[in-house]
Amino acid sequence: MKTALLVIDMQNDYLYEKRKKIFAYRTKELTDAVNDLIRQYHSKGCDIIYIRHLIQNLPTNRLLFGYSIAGTEGAELYSGLDIVSEHCYDKLFGDALTNKELCAFLAKQGIERLHLCGLDECGCVTATALGAVKRGIPAEIIKRGTATVLSARKVKKAHARLEKAGVRFI
């Protein structure tokens, strides 16, 4: 089964030193793990696909959210991330597969399975995994390559949804 690695939302606003306090990810540990996965999958000939979450650059969004604003330094892929391909797709929603260009690329490449890593395990990684299953694409989440800032209760709830949908953690 041809597999692609989706690297989700590894962006400056979530990982660099200027990030908001709510994004208390352990940047070095997560980035090291994700970079190791990128090298591992790339060496096997798998497509490495980067996903960026973008919020429209509008005055209200800058005030309400203040992160992932399109066209800002914070919305760019994190500078410590290994970039081994030009496959980078933007999304406006949690599920990366709402991007039609990404779906077309997966079909063209004959991708039959997705392995997911990045941020947030209980947010966009979960949404993308569930979106893949909904579209008939098996998805697995690589536990050591994800992180979350959500509570244990929310993690348990997300894991239950994933398990019910047939998504495995590897």
Protein backbone atom coordinates (compact mmCIF):
# COMPACT_ATOMS: atom_id res chain seq x y z
CA MET A 1 0.00 0.00 0.00
CA LYS A 2 1.53 3.32 -1.07
CA THR A 3 1.84 5.56 1.99
CA ALA A 4 2.39 9.29 2.39
CA LEU A 5 3.49 11.11 5.52
CA LEU A 6 1.40 14.19 6.32
CA VAL A 7 3.23 16.70 8.51
CA ILE A 8 0.42 18.79 9.94
CA ASP A 9 0.60 22.39 11.24
CA MET A 10 4.27 22.41 12.26
CA GLN A 11 4.25 26.21 12.01
CA ASN A 12 6.09 29.04 13.71
CA ASP A 13 3.07 30.31 15.64
CA TYR A 14 2.81 27.00 17.47
CA LEU A 15 6.51 26.26 17.96
CA TYR A 16 8.80 29.28 17.93
CA GLU A 17 9.81 31.35 20.94
CA LYS A 18 7.35 34.17 20.04
CA ARG A 19 4.31 31.87 20.23
CA LYS A 20 1.33 32.45 22.51
CA LYS A 21 1.50 30.80 25.92
CA ILE A 22 -1.44 28.54 25.12
CA PHE A 23 0.79 26.68 22.64
CA ALA A 24 3.00 25.10 25.28
CA TYR A 25 4.35 22.33 23.07
CA ARG A 26 7.78 20.87 23.77
CA THR A 27 9.24 22.23 20.56
CA LYS A 28 12.63 20.52 20.52
CA GLU A 29 11.34 17.05 21.39
CA LEU A 30 8.46 17.25 18.92
CA THR A 31 10.55 18.73 16.12
CA ASP A 32 13.29 16.11 16.63
CA ALA A 33 10.70 13.32 16.46
CA VAL A 34 8.96 14.75 13.38
CA ASN A 35 12.28 15.36 11.60
CA ASP A 36 13.28 11.76 12.33
CA LEU A 37 10.00 10.58 10.79
CA ILE A 38 10.52 12.81 7.75
CA ARG A 39 13.98 11.32 7.16
CA GLN A 40 12.73 7.77 7.75
CA TYR A 41 9.75 8.03 5.36
CA HIS A 42 11.72 10.01 2.77
CA SER A 43 14.43 7.34 2.71
CA LYS A 44 11.72 4.74 1.96
CA GLY A 45 10.54 6.78 -1.04
CA CYS A 46 7.29 7.95 0.55
CA ASP A 47 5.84 11.32 -0.34
CA ILE A 48 6.28 13.87 2.46
CA ILE A 49 3.45 16.39 2.47
CA TYR A 50 3.43 19.51 4.61
CA ILE A 51 0.16 21.06 5.74
CA ARG A 52 -0.28 24.63 6.98
CA HIS A 53 -3.36 25.88 8.79
CA LEU A 54 -4.18 29.41 7.62
CA ILE A 55 -6.67 31.93 8.89
CA GLN A 56 -7.65 34.77 6.56
CA ASN A 57 -5.68 37.95 7.18
CA LEU A 58 -8.57 40.17 8.28
CA PRO A 59 -8.55 42.70 11.14
CA THR A 60 -11.14 40.69 13.09
CA ASN A 61 -9.17 37.45 12.71
CA ARG A 62 -5.95 39.15 13.81
CA LEU A 63 -7.76 40.29 16.96
CA LEU A 64 -9.75 37.10 17.64
CA PHE A 65 -7.09 34.55 16.81
CA GLY A 66 -3.73 36.24 16.36
CA TYR A 67 -2.07 33.08 15.04
CA SER A 68 -1.80 31.26 11.70
CA ILE A 69 -2.73 34.47 9.95
CA ALA A 70 -2.09 34.13 6.21
CA GLY A 71 0.95 36.05 5.01
CA THR A 72 2.61 36.36 8.42
CA GLU A 73 5.88 34.89 9.68
CA GLY A 74 3.94 32.90 12.24
CA ALA A 75 1.97 31.04 9.59
CA GLU A 76 5.11 29.74 7.87
CA LEU A 77 6.47 26.25 8.47
CA TYR A 78 8.67 26.13 11.56
CA SER A 79 12.28 26.98 10.76
CA GLY A 80 13.55 23.89 12.62
CA LEU A 81 11.52 21.55 10.43
CA ASP A 82 13.32 19.51 7.76
CA ILE A 83 11.85 20.34 4.36
CA VAL A 84 12.48 17.53 1.87
CA SER A 85 9.74 18.20 -0.68
CA GLU A 86 7.82 21.04 -2.25
CA HIS A 87 4.50 19.41 -1.43
CA CYS A 88 2.90 21.97 0.88
CA TYR A 89 -0.84 22.50 1.07
CA ASP A 90 -2.83 25.07 2.99
CA LYS A 91 -6.07 24.41 4.79
CA LEU A 92 -8.73 26.64 6.25
CA PHE A 93 -10.38 23.91 8.34
CA GLY A 94 -9.09 21.22 10.70
CA ASP A 95 -9.34 18.43 8.12
CA ALA A 96 -6.48 18.86 5.64
CA LEU A 97 -8.41 16.81 3.10
CA THR A 98 -10.87 19.66 2.62
CA ASN A 99 -8.15 21.01 0.30
CA LYS A 100 -9.15 19.72 -3.15
CA GLU A 101 -5.64 20.19 -4.54
CA LEU A 102 -4.27 17.89 -1.83
CA CYS A 103 -6.88 15.25 -2.62
CA ALA A 104 -6.06 15.48 -6.33
CA PHE A 105 -2.33 15.08 -5.56
CA LEU A 106 -2.98 12.00 -3.41
CA ALA A 107 -5.06 10.43 -6.20
CA LYS A 108 -2.47 11.28 -8.87
CA GLN A 109 0.34 9.76 -6.77
CA GLY A 110 -1.72 6.65 -6.02
CA ILE A 111 -1.52 7.23 -2.26
CA GLU A 112 -3.56 4.53 -0.55
CA ARG A 113 -2.76 5.21 3.12
CA LEU A 114 -1.84 8.23 5.25
CA HIS A 115 0.44 8.38 8.23
CA LEU A 116 -0.06 11.56 10.23
CA CYS A 117 2.17 13.56 12.55
CA GLY A 118 2.31 17.11 13.83
CA LEU A 119 -0.13 19.37 15.65
CA ASP A 120 -2.44 19.16 17.42
CA GLU A 121 -3.01 15.48 18.10
CA CYS A 122 -6.56 16.14 19.28
CA GLY A 123 -7.25 18.95 16.83
CA CYS A 124 -6.19 18.98 13.21
CA VAL A 125 -4.43 15.60 13.30
CA THR A 126 -7.62 13.97 14.57
CA ALA A 127 -9.78 15.93 12.10
CA THR A 128 -7.57 14.88 9.18
CA ALA A 129 -7.52 11.23 10.27
CA LEU A 130 -11.31 11.18 10.52
CA GLY A 131 -11.57 13.01 7.19
CA ALA A 132 -9.36 10.39 5.56
CA VAL A 133 -11.48 7.51 6.86
CA LYS A 134 -14.62 9.31 5.67
CA ARG A 135 -13.06 9.42 2.18
CA GLY A 136 -12.07 5.75 2.26
CA ILE A 137 -8.36 6.35 2.92
CA PRO A 138 -6.87 4.39 5.82
CA ALA A 139 -5.09 6.68 8.27
CA GLU A 140 -2.76 6.04 11.18
CA ILE A 141 -1.40 8.56 13.67
CA ILE A 142 2.24 8.31 14.66
CA LYS A 143 2.10 8.87 18.40
CA ARG A 144 5.73 9.91 18.91
CA GLY A 145 5.33 12.57 16.21
CA THR A 146 2.30 14.33 17.68
CA ALA A 147 1.57 16.53 20.66
CA THR A 148 -1.39 18.19 22.30
CA VAL A 149 -2.01 20.97 24.78
CA LEU A 150 -5.53 19.77 25.55
CA SER A 151 -6.73 18.19 28.79
CA ALA A 152 -6.63 14.46 29.47
CA ARG A 153 -10.44 14.39 29.26
CA LYS A 154 -10.40 15.86 25.74
CA VAL A 155 -7.60 13.50 24.70
CA LYS A 156 -9.64 10.52 25.89
CA LYS A 157 -12.68 11.76 23.97
CA ALA A 158 -10.66 12.28 20.75
CA HIS A 159 -9.05 8.85 21.07
CA ALA A 160 -12.48 7.24 21.48
CA ARG A 161 -13.71 8.94 18.28
CA LEU A 162 -10.59 7.79 16.42
CA GLU A 163 -10.88 4.22 17.70
CA LYS A 164 -14.55 4.07 16.72
CA ALA A 165 -13.62 5.22 13.19
CA GLY A 166 -10.86 2.60 12.91
CA VAL A 167 -7.89 4.97 13.17
CA ARG A 168 -4.90 3.40 14.89
CA PHE A 169 -1.99 4.95 16.72
CA ILE A 170 1.35 3.53 15.66
